[in-house]
Amino acid sequence: MSNRLAFIQGAAHISIQNPLSDEWFDAPLRYHQLLVPTIDPKFSDYLPPLVSRRMCNLIRRAVITSRVALNEAHIEVPDAIISGTGLGCIGNTEKFLNAINENGEEMLPPSYFMQSTHNVLSSSIAIDLKCHCYNNTFVHRGTSFEQALYDTTLILNQESIHNVLVGGFDEMTSKYFELMAKAGYWKRVEEGFDEEQPCFAGEVAASFVVSDKKTPQTTCCIEGIKLLYKPSVATFNKTINQLLAKSGHTPADVELLLTGINGNVKNDTVYRQLGLSLFDANICNTYKDLFGESFTAPAMGLYALSRCYAKKTVPPYWHSKNSSFGEKGKVSLILNHWNGKSCSIILLSGC
């Protein structure tokens, strides 16, 4: 990305932790099952019944987190809306396909079809906010959110766009969970499943307001994003060093590192091969044991770090180099990969 920085002004989440709150920070909910559904807020507190009934749960979550994030940033309508999703409204897709099968392609419910496409997430948010500006959705499986965030940093260089509403949204149905289980995503004990740090599926709805200028609402700064495909160990480590050097830092300056380690041996081995050799093991932390694994799980990693900067400290179960985390210039990294192929690096700093 360019040298121009991007600033996080507001953030909100609805996930497998208590929604629209930071209770996870001091008292996180812990799970031991392999599929964990989202804890939804009372939708009627945010959406009129006639509006809510036309939306599936994922769209409701996207709309509500967007409203809350904008309210925190003191912005009514953003200059752009960008979403990242791996599956889109997969629940509606399944319902539509089941209806085709059961009804012989006759008398099909149109709402399931209209709300089964991936771009319905960004468009539904835009309709709710009456926003007629730039609108885009990225569908790149395990790096969908990072692609959306990268696009956010690019378009903030345009003079007409000063703030962007960006989010990561995914749901997990039991059917799709079963398919992924057959592919080896959710490892059980006899397959290398770690009871202390289990690999389990979660759901994500996280929204952020990112702008081109620092304001009183700013929590942290996005200093850089890098996306790599099938990098070697040398290339990955070199990229981390280059990204840090561009902002005047070295690996020794990193105060906290978040990785996508999730308890699946096959997944976690990649992190130990890529990147971790550059850092002190005492600053390496995980977030998927709190929020679960999903295509857009890195959105929850970014949310968690942004709250650490806002609070100027880290959760008691995480480790950083000092207790004054979040001060100006303090840097942190988020490392993620999908299937060992698509890798992402996000650099944040206090401001």
Protein backbone atom coordinates (compact mmCIF):
# COMPACT_ATOMS: atom_id res chain seq x y z
CA MET A 1 0.00 0.00 0.00
CA SER A 2 1.03 3.62 -0.23
CA ASN A 3 2.74 5.62 2.50
CA ARG A 4 -0.57 7.25 3.34
CA LEU A 5 -1.87 5.87 6.62
CA ALA A 6 -5.37 4.66 7.40
CA PHE A 7 -6.98 5.24 10.77
CA ILE A 8 -9.58 3.07 12.52
CA GLN A 9 -12.30 5.32 13.96
CA GLY A 10 -14.94 2.84 15.02
CA ALA A 11 -15.47 -0.91 15.27
CA ALA A 12 -18.22 -3.32 16.23
CA HIS A 13 -18.70 -7.09 16.27
CA ILE A 14 -21.37 -9.77 16.53
CA SER A 15 -19.68 -13.10 17.03
CA ILE A 16 -19.53 -16.14 19.28
CA GLN A 17 -18.60 -13.81 22.15
CA ASN A 18 -21.24 -11.57 23.72
CA PRO A 19 -22.29 -9.23 20.89
CA LEU A 20 -21.58 -5.52 20.60
CA SER A 21 -19.54 -5.55 23.79
CA ASP A 22 -15.99 -6.08 25.00
CA GLU A 23 -16.82 -8.59 27.71
CA TRP A 24 -14.49 -11.03 25.93
CA PHE A 25 -11.60 -8.79 26.96
CA ASP A 26 -11.73 -9.74 30.66
CA ALA A 27 -14.21 -12.63 30.76
CA PRO A 28 -14.19 -14.52 27.45
CA LEU A 29 -16.62 -17.32 26.75
CA ARG A 30 -14.82 -20.61 26.13
CA TYR A 31 -16.07 -23.39 23.87
CA HIS A 32 -15.32 -27.07 23.42
CA GLN A 33 -17.73 -28.07 20.64
CA LEU A 34 -16.59 -27.98 17.02
CA LEU A 35 -19.36 -25.73 15.66
CA VAL A 36 -20.25 -22.61 17.64
CA PRO A 37 -23.18 -20.42 16.52
CA THR A 38 -23.18 -16.67 16.86
CA ILE A 39 -24.69 -15.00 19.92
CA ASP A 40 -27.08 -12.51 18.36
CA PRO A 41 -28.32 -9.33 20.03
CA LYS A 42 -32.03 -8.63 20.21
CA PHE A 43 -32.58 -7.57 16.61
CA SER A 44 -35.76 -5.64 17.45
CA ASP A 45 -33.66 -3.19 19.47
CA TYR A 46 -31.99 -2.08 16.24
CA LEU A 47 -34.30 -2.95 13.34
CA PRO A 48 -38.05 -2.41 12.82
CA PRO A 49 -39.84 -5.77 12.54
CA LEU A 50 -41.00 -5.18 8.95
CA VAL A 51 -37.42 -4.40 7.91
CA SER A 52 -35.87 -7.22 9.91
CA ARG A 53 -38.20 -9.92 8.57
CA ARG A 54 -36.91 -9.34 5.03
CA MET A 55 -33.33 -10.00 6.10
CA CYS A 56 -31.49 -13.20 6.94
CA ASN A 57 -29.44 -13.28 10.14
CA LEU A 58 -26.12 -12.51 8.45
CA ILE A 59 -27.52 -9.38 6.78
CA ARG A 60 -29.02 -8.27 10.09
CA ARG A 61 -25.64 -8.65 11.75
CA ALA A 62 -23.89 -6.74 8.96
CA VAL A 63 -26.37 -3.87 9.11
CA ILE A 64 -26.29 -3.61 12.90
CA THR A 65 -22.50 -3.75 13.28
CA SER A 66 -22.21 -1.13 10.52
CA ARG A 67 -24.57 1.21 12.34
CA VAL A 68 -22.75 0.78 15.65
CA ALA A 69 -19.31 1.30 14.12
CA LEU A 70 -20.46 4.46 12.32
CA ASN A 71 -22.03 5.77 15.51
CA GLU A 72 -18.76 5.23 17.37
CA ALA A 73 -16.92 7.12 14.63
CA HIS A 74 -19.51 9.95 14.69
CA ILE A 75 -20.24 9.46 10.98
CA GLU A 76 -23.73 9.10 9.52
CA VAL A 77 -23.00 7.98 5.95
CA PRO A 78 -19.60 6.67 4.75
CA ASP A 79 -17.95 7.61 1.46
CA ALA A 80 -17.63 3.92 0.52
CA ILE A 81 -18.76 0.48 1.67
CA ILE A 82 -16.54 -2.59 1.21
CA SER A 83 -17.16 -6.10 2.49
CA GLY A 84 -15.20 -9.32 2.55
CA THR A 85 -16.94 -12.70 2.77
CA GLY A 86 -15.95 -16.26 2.04
CA LEU A 87 -19.40 -17.78 1.84
CA GLY A 88 -21.87 -14.89 1.68
CA CYS A 89 -25.37 -15.80 2.82
CA ILE A 90 -24.75 -19.54 2.57
CA GLY A 91 -27.89 -20.29 4.62
CA ASN A 92 -30.13 -18.70 2.00
CA THR A 93 -28.21 -20.43 -0.77
CA GLU A 94 -28.93 -23.79 0.82
CA LYS A 95 -32.60 -22.93 1.31
CA PHE A 96 -32.95 -21.92 -2.33
CA LEU A 97 -31.26 -25.06 -3.63
CA ASN A 98 -33.38 -27.22 -1.32
CA ALA A 99 -36.50 -25.49 -2.61
CA ILE A 100 -35.47 -26.26 -6.21
CA ASN A 101 -35.05 -29.91 -5.28
CA GLU A 102 -38.25 -30.22 -3.25
CA ASN A 103 -40.57 -28.18 -5.51
CA GLY A 104 -39.32 -29.39 -8.86
CA GLU A 105 -38.15 -25.89 -9.84
CA GLU A 106 -41.66 -24.48 -9.39
CA MET A 107 -43.06 -21.92 -6.92
CA LEU A 108 -39.59 -20.92 -5.76
CA PRO A 109 -39.26 -18.25 -3.01
CA PRO A 110 -37.48 -15.30 -4.68
CA SER A 111 -36.14 -13.80 -1.43
CA TYR A 112 -33.83 -16.77 -0.84
CA PHE A 113 -32.36 -16.30 -4.32
CA MET A 114 -32.02 -12.52 -4.05
CA GLN A 115 -30.27 -12.82 -0.70
CA SER A 116 -27.98 -15.70 -1.66
CA THR A 117 -25.47 -13.69 -3.70
CA HIS A 118 -22.33 -12.51 -1.94
CA ASN A 119 -22.66 -8.82 -2.84
CA VAL A 120 -26.02 -8.58 -1.09
CA LEU A 121 -24.08 -7.82 2.12
CA SER A 122 -22.56 -4.53 0.95
CA SER A 123 -25.70 -3.58 -0.96
CA SER A 124 -27.98 -4.24 2.03
CA ILE A 125 -25.79 -2.02 4.20
CA ALA A 126 -25.90 0.69 1.53
CA ILE A 127 -29.70 0.50 1.28
CA ASP A 128 -30.00 0.77 5.06
CA LEU A 129 -27.67 3.79 5.21
CA LYS A 130 -28.96 5.34 1.96
CA CYS A 131 -25.37 5.40 0.73
CA HIS A 132 -25.00 5.72 -3.07
CA CYS A 133 -21.20 5.79 -3.19
CA TYR A 134 -18.53 3.19 -3.99
CA ASN A 135 -19.77 -0.29 -3.08
CA ASN A 136 -17.79 -3.51 -3.41
CA THR A 137 -17.59 -7.06 -2.06
CA PHE A 138 -14.50 -9.29 -2.08
CA VAL A 139 -14.89 -13.07 -2.20
CA HIS A 140 -11.42 -14.59 -1.88
CA ARG A 141 -12.06 -17.40 0.59
CA GLY A 142 -9.57 -17.14 3.48
CA THR A 143 -8.25 -13.70 2.54
CA SER A 144 -11.59 -12.06 1.69
CA PHE A 145 -11.42 -9.56 4.55
CA GLU A 146 -7.78 -8.69 3.96
CA GLN A 147 -8.56 -7.99 0.29
CA ALA A 148 -11.40 -5.69 1.36
CA LEU A 149 -9.13 -3.93 3.85
CA TYR A 150 -6.41 -3.54 1.23
CA ASP A 151 -8.91 -2.01 -1.20
CA THR A 152 -9.93 0.35 1.61
CA THR A 153 -6.39 1.66 1.99
CA LEU A 154 -6.13 2.16 -1.78
CA ILE A 155 -9.31 4.14 -2.31
CA LEU A 156 -8.56 6.39 0.68
CA ASN A 157 -5.93 7.91 -1.61
CA GLN A 158 -8.73 9.31 -3.76
CA GLU A 159 -9.56 12.90 -2.92
CA SER A 160 -13.31 12.23 -2.94
CA ILE A 161 -13.17 9.43 -0.34
CA HIS A 162 -12.21 10.21 3.25
CA ASN A 163 -13.82 7.39 5.21
CA VAL A 164 -14.75 3.80 4.40
CA LEU A 165 -17.05 1.32 6.10
CA VAL A 166 -15.31 -2.05 5.77
CA GLY A 167 -16.37 -5.39 7.23
CA GLY A 168 -15.93 -9.12 7.30
CA PHE A 169 -19.06 -11.29 7.36
CA ASP A 170 -19.55 -15.06 7.35
CA GLU A 171 -21.95 -17.65 8.69
CA MET A 172 -21.54 -21.40 9.00
CA THR A 173 -24.34 -23.89 8.39
CA SER A 174 -24.31 -27.44 9.68
CA LYS A 175 -24.25 -28.80 6.12
CA TYR A 176 -21.25 -26.74 5.07
CA PHE A 177 -19.56 -27.56 8.37
CA GLU A 178 -19.92 -31.26 7.58
CA LEU A 179 -18.38 -30.77 4.13
CA MET A 180 -15.40 -28.90 5.59
CA ALA A 181 -15.02 -31.57 8.28
CA LYS A 182 -14.68 -34.20 5.57
CA ALA A 183 -11.93 -32.06 4.07
CA GLY A 184 -10.07 -32.10 7.40
CA TYR A 185 -10.66 -28.56 8.66
CA TRP A 186 -11.93 -29.50 12.12
CA LYS A 187 -9.47 -31.97 13.61
CA ARG A 188 -10.59 -34.35 16.37
CA VAL A 189 -8.40 -35.70 19.18
CA GLU A 190 -7.28 -38.81 17.33
CA GLU A 191 -6.38 -36.62 14.32
CA GLY A 192 -4.26 -34.14 16.22
CA PHE A 193 -7.03 -32.09 17.82
CA ASP A 194 -5.73 -30.03 20.76
CA GLU A 195 -8.18 -30.00 23.69
CA GLU A 196 -6.44 -27.01 25.26
CA GLN A 197 -6.66 -24.95 22.07
CA PRO A 198 -9.37 -26.57 19.95
CA CYS A 199 -9.95 -25.84 16.30
CA PHE A 200 -13.63 -24.97 15.97
CA ALA A 201 -15.85 -23.17 13.53
CA GLY A 202 -17.26 -19.76 14.40
CA GLU A 203 -19.23 -17.03 12.66
CA VAL A 204 -18.16 -13.46 12.03
CA ALA A 205 -19.74 -10.04 11.63
CA ALA A 206 -17.21 -7.27 12.21
CA SER A 207 -17.43 -3.70 10.88
CA PHE A 208 -14.87 -0.89 10.91
CA VAL A 209 -14.83 2.75 9.96
CA VAL A 210 -11.45 3.59 8.43
CA SER A 211 -10.49 7.13 7.44
CA ASP A 212 -7.59 9.03 5.91
CA LYS A 213 -7.12 11.36 8.89
CA LYS A 214 -6.69 11.03 12.62
CA THR A 215 -9.64 12.23 14.73
CA PRO A 216 -10.49 12.18 18.45
CA GLN A 217 -12.24 8.85 17.81
CA THR A 218 -9.14 7.18 16.32
CA THR A 219 -8.07 3.99 18.10
CA CYS A 220 -5.11 2.92 15.98
CA CYS A 221 -3.42 3.26 12.62
CA ILE A 222 -3.10 0.74 9.79
CA GLU A 223 0.47 1.24 8.59
CA GLY A 224 0.63 -1.52 6.02
CA ILE A 225 -0.93 -4.61 4.48
CA LYS A 226 0.77 -7.29 2.43
CA LEU A 227 -0.84 -10.24 0.64
CA LEU A 228 1.28 -13.14 -0.58
CA TYR A 229 0.56 -16.36 -2.46
CA LYS A 230 2.54 -19.49 -1.64
CA PRO A 231 5.51 -17.59 -0.21
CA SER A 232 8.68 -19.40 0.75
CA VAL A 233 9.97 -18.96 4.31
CA ALA A 234 12.64 -16.56 3.04
CA THR A 235 10.13 -14.50 1.04
CA PHE A 236 7.66 -14.30 3.92
CA ASN A 237 10.29 -13.19 6.43
CA LYS A 238 11.76 -10.71 3.94
CA THR A 239 8.30 -9.23 3.35
CA ILE A 240 7.72 -8.76 7.09
CA ASN A 241 11.08 -6.99 7.42
CA GLN A 242 10.32 -4.76 4.42
CA LEU A 243 6.86 -3.85 5.71
CA LEU A 244 8.26 -2.92 9.12
CA ALA A 245 11.23 -1.03 7.64
CA LYS A 246 8.91 1.05 5.46
CA SER A 247 7.45 2.47 8.67
CA GLY A 248 10.83 2.76 10.38
CA HIS A 249 10.57 -0.41 12.49
CA THR A 250 12.32 -3.74 12.95
CA PRO A 251 10.95 -7.07 14.25
CA ALA A 252 12.37 -6.16 17.68
CA ASP A 253 9.95 -3.20 17.83
CA VAL A 254 6.81 -5.37 17.56
CA GLU A 255 4.97 -5.23 20.88
CA LEU A 256 2.35 -7.89 20.16
CA LEU A 257 1.84 -10.53 17.48
CA LEU A 258 -1.51 -12.16 16.66
CA THR A 259 -1.47 -15.34 14.63
CA GLY A 260 -4.17 -17.53 13.14
CA ILE A 261 -3.06 -20.57 15.16
CA ASN A 262 -6.24 -22.54 15.88
CA GLY A 263 -5.28 -25.96 17.26
CA ASN A 264 -5.34 -27.80 13.93
CA VAL A 265 -1.84 -29.24 13.60
CA LYS A 266 -1.84 -28.92 9.81
CA ASN A 267 -2.84 -25.25 10.04
CA ASP A 268 -0.50 -24.33 12.89
CA THR A 269 2.65 -25.87 11.41
CA VAL A 270 2.62 -23.23 8.67
CA TYR A 271 2.90 -20.42 11.23
CA ARG A 272 5.88 -22.05 12.86
CA GLN A 273 7.52 -22.26 9.45
CA LEU A 274 6.62 -18.74 8.34
CA GLY A 275 7.32 -15.61 10.29
CA LEU A 276 7.42 -16.72 13.92
CA SER A 277 11.19 -17.23 13.87
CA LEU A 278 11.57 -13.44 13.66
CA PHE A 279 9.83 -12.75 16.96
CA ASP A 280 10.08 -13.40 20.66
CA ALA A 281 7.73 -16.29 21.50
CA ASN A 282 6.47 -14.33 24.54
CA ILE A 283 4.65 -11.78 22.35
CA CYS A 284 2.86 -14.37 20.18
CA ASN A 285 -0.86 -14.61 20.90
CA THR A 286 -3.92 -16.26 19.34
CA TYR A 287 -7.47 -15.05 18.76
CA LYS A 288 -9.21 -17.94 17.01
CA ASP A 289 -9.51 -19.74 20.35
CA LEU A 290 -11.82 -16.83 21.28
CA PHE A 291 -13.71 -16.22 18.04
CA GLY A 292 -13.39 -19.47 16.09
CA GLU A 293 -12.15 -20.26 12.61
CA SER A 294 -13.91 -18.93 9.52
CA PHE A 295 -13.10 -17.48 6.13
CA THR A 296 -13.10 -13.93 7.54
CA ALA A 297 -11.75 -14.69 11.02
CA PRO A 298 -8.94 -12.10 10.56
CA ALA A 299 -11.63 -9.42 10.88
CA MET A 300 -12.01 -10.50 14.51
CA GLY A 301 -8.25 -10.38 14.94
CA LEU A 302 -8.24 -6.78 13.75
CA TYR A 303 -11.21 -5.98 15.98
CA ALA A 304 -9.46 -7.48 19.01
CA LEU A 305 -6.26 -5.51 18.39
CA SER A 306 -8.15 -2.26 17.76
CA ARG A 307 -9.82 -2.64 21.17
CA CYS A 308 -6.43 -3.23 22.78
CA TYR A 309 -5.24 0.07 21.34
CA ALA A 310 -8.43 1.79 22.49
CA LYS A 311 -8.00 0.47 26.04
CA LYS A 312 -4.21 1.00 26.06
CA THR A 313 -3.69 -2.51 27.37
CA VAL A 314 -4.08 -6.16 26.38
CA PRO A 315 -6.32 -8.88 27.85
CA PRO A 316 -4.84 -10.56 30.96
CA TYR A 317 -4.41 -13.83 29.04
CA TRP A 318 -2.37 -12.19 26.27
CA HIS A 319 1.25 -11.11 26.43
CA SER A 320 3.03 -8.06 25.09
CA LYS A 321 6.39 -6.45 25.71
CA ASN A 322 5.13 -3.95 28.26
CA SER A 323 2.00 -2.80 30.08
CA SER A 324 1.81 0.49 28.18
CA PHE A 325 0.62 -1.15 24.97
CA GLY A 326 -1.27 1.17 22.69
CA GLU A 327 0.85 4.27 23.07
CA LYS A 328 1.87 6.26 20.00
CA GLY A 329 4.33 4.35 17.84
CA LYS A 330 3.76 0.96 19.49
CA VAL A 331 3.42 -1.55 16.67
CA SER A 332 1.71 -4.93 16.36
CA LEU A 333 1.20 -7.49 13.61
CA ILE A 334 -1.52 -9.90 12.50
CA LEU A 335 -0.34 -12.93 10.53
CA ASN A 336 -2.80 -15.21 8.77
CA HIS A 337 -2.79 -17.88 6.10
CA TRP A 338 -5.40 -19.97 4.33
CA ASN A 339 -4.43 -23.54 3.45
CA GLY A 340 -0.79 -22.52 3.48
CA LYS A 341 -1.29 -20.73 0.17
CA SER A 342 -2.76 -17.24 0.64
CA CYS A 343 -0.94 -15.34 3.39
CA SER A 344 -1.54 -11.89 4.82
CA ILE A 345 0.35 -9.48 7.06
CA ILE A 346 -1.34 -6.46 8.71
CA LEU A 347 0.76 -3.84 10.53
CA LEU A 348 -0.89 -1.62 13.15
CA SER A 349 0.43 1.11 15.42
CA GLY A 350 -0.75 3.39 18.19
CA CYS A 351 -1.35 7.03 17.28
